[in-house]
């Protein structure tokens, strides 16, 4: 089992990447682009959100009194 700090570190890394993807999506949405150009970033964003949800679930399961 990971320590709470390890979970926090993992979430921080995922959040940094999620912000980067969101920034790219925002910047791209200001331009005229196709769905084909947006799809890879949107898929990556969904993947990052799923990873964050998994970490969050593990934290709640392993440390219910510390959340």
C-alpha atoms as a PDB file:
ATOM      1  CA  UNK A   1       0.000   0.000   0.000  1.00  0.00           C
ATOM      2  CA  UNK A   2       1.254   3.434  -0.888  1.00  0.00           C
ATOM      3  CA  UNK A   3       1.605   6.151   1.706  1.00  0.00           C
ATOM      4  CA  UNK A   4      -0.747   9.137   1.621  1.00  0.00           C
ATOM      5  CA  UNK A   5       2.135  11.275   0.361  1.00  0.00           C
ATOM      6  CA  UNK A   6       2.776   8.908  -2.540  1.00  0.00           C
ATOM      7  CA  UNK A   7      -0.886   9.189  -3.531  1.00  0.00           C
ATOM      8  CA  UNK A   8      -0.708  12.975  -3.270  1.00  0.00           C
ATOM      9  CA  UNK A   9       2.423  13.049  -5.418  1.00  0.00           C
ATOM     10  CA  UNK A  10       0.753  10.833  -8.022  1.00  0.00           C
ATOM     11  CA  UNK A  11      -2.331  13.062  -8.061  1.00  0.00           C
ATOM     12  CA  UNK A  12      -0.185  16.184  -8.390  1.00  0.00           C
ATOM     13  CA  UNK A  13       1.599  14.756 -11.431  1.00  0.00           C
ATOM     14  CA  UNK A  14      -1.714  13.810 -13.017  1.00  0.00           C
ATOM     15  CA  UNK A  15      -3.164  17.251 -12.285  1.00  0.00           C
ATOM     16  CA  UNK A  16      -0.180  19.003 -13.868  1.00  0.00           C
ATOM     17  CA  UNK A  17      -0.617  16.922 -17.005  1.00  0.00           C
ATOM     18  CA  UNK A  18      -4.389  17.480 -16.977  1.00  0.00           C
ATOM     19  CA  UNK A  19      -3.897  21.245 -16.807  1.00  0.00           C
ATOM     20  CA  UNK A  20      -1.478  21.055 -19.735  1.00  0.00           C
ATOM     21  CA  UNK A  21      -3.991  19.104 -21.814  1.00  0.00           C
ATOM     22  CA  UNK A  22      -6.819  21.469 -20.862  1.00  0.00           C
ATOM     23  CA  UNK A  23      -4.659  24.441 -21.846  1.00  0.00           C
ATOM     24  CA  UNK A  24      -3.886  22.848 -25.210  1.00  0.00           C
ATOM     25  CA  UNK A  25      -7.566  22.099 -25.777  1.00  0.00           C
ATOM     26  CA  UNK A  26      -8.511  25.679 -24.931  1.00  0.00           C
ATOM     27  CA  UNK A  27      -5.837  27.084 -27.235  1.00  0.00           C
ATOM     28  CA  UNK A  28      -6.855  24.752 -30.045  1.00  0.00           C
ATOM     29  CA  UNK A  29     -10.527  25.591 -29.620  1.00  0.00           C
ATOM     30  CA  UNK A  30      -9.710  29.222 -30.360  1.00  0.00           C
ATOM     31  CA  UNK A  31      -8.461  28.184 -33.787  1.00  0.00           C
ATOM     32  CA  UNK A  32     -10.373  26.640 -36.639  1.00  0.00           C
ATOM     33  CA  UNK A  33      -9.638  22.943 -36.264  1.00  0.00           C
ATOM     34  CA  UNK A  34     -11.206  19.607 -37.037  1.00  0.00           C
ATOM     35  CA  UNK A  35     -12.574  17.014 -34.661  1.00  0.00           C
ATOM     36  CA  UNK A  36      -9.729  14.767 -35.775  1.00  0.00           C
ATOM     37  CA  UNK A  37      -7.236  17.205 -34.288  1.00  0.00           C
ATOM     38  CA  UNK A  38      -9.131  17.491 -30.996  1.00  0.00           C
ATOM     39  CA  UNK A  39      -9.876  13.790 -30.518  1.00  0.00           C
ATOM     40  CA  UNK A  40      -6.397  12.700 -29.316  1.00  0.00           C
ATOM     41  CA  UNK A  41      -6.275  15.448 -26.684  1.00  0.00           C
ATOM     42  CA  UNK A  42      -9.814  14.733 -25.541  1.00  0.00           C
ATOM     43  CA  UNK A  43      -8.988  11.036 -25.237  1.00  0.00           C
ATOM     44  CA  UNK A  44      -5.869  11.872 -23.226  1.00  0.00           C
ATOM     45  CA  UNK A  45      -7.920  14.147 -20.984  1.00  0.00           C
ATOM     46  CA  UNK A  46     -10.435  11.357 -20.343  1.00  0.00           C
ATOM     47  CA  UNK A  47      -7.594   8.973 -19.514  1.00  0.00           C
ATOM     48  CA  UNK A  48      -6.073  11.421 -17.035  1.00  0.00           C
ATOM     49  CA  UNK A  49      -9.415  11.996 -15.350  1.00  0.00           C
ATOM     50  CA  UNK A  50      -9.936   8.240 -15.021  1.00  0.00           C
ATOM     51  CA  UNK A  51      -6.478   7.888 -13.464  1.00  0.00           C
ATOM     52  CA  UNK A  52      -7.237  10.694 -10.999  1.00  0.00           C
ATOM     53  CA  UNK A  53     -10.513   9.030 -10.041  1.00  0.00           C
ATOM     54  CA  UNK A  54      -8.698   5.727  -9.394  1.00  0.00           C
ATOM     55  CA  UNK A  55      -6.146   7.397  -7.139  1.00  0.00           C
ATOM     56  CA  UNK A  56      -8.928   9.240  -5.319  1.00  0.00           C
ATOM     57  CA  UNK A  57     -10.800   5.975  -4.748  1.00  0.00           C
ATOM     58  CA  UNK A  58      -7.655   4.320  -3.386  1.00  0.00           C
ATOM     59  CA  UNK A  59      -7.068   7.204  -1.003  1.00  0.00           C
ATOM     60  CA  UNK A  60     -10.630   7.017   0.294  1.00  0.00           C
ATOM     61  CA  UNK A  61     -10.437   3.230   0.622  1.00  0.00           C
ATOM     62  CA  UNK A  62      -7.037   3.129   2.325  1.00  0.00           C
ATOM     63  CA  UNK A  63      -7.271   6.285   4.437  1.00  0.00           C
ATOM     64  CA  UNK A  64     -10.974   6.914   5.139  1.00  0.00           C
ATOM     65  CA  UNK A  65     -10.341   8.898   8.313  1.00  0.00           C
ATOM     66  CA  UNK A  66      -7.774  11.220   6.742  1.00  0.00           C
ATOM     67  CA  UNK A  67      -9.850  12.546   3.869  1.00  0.00           C
END
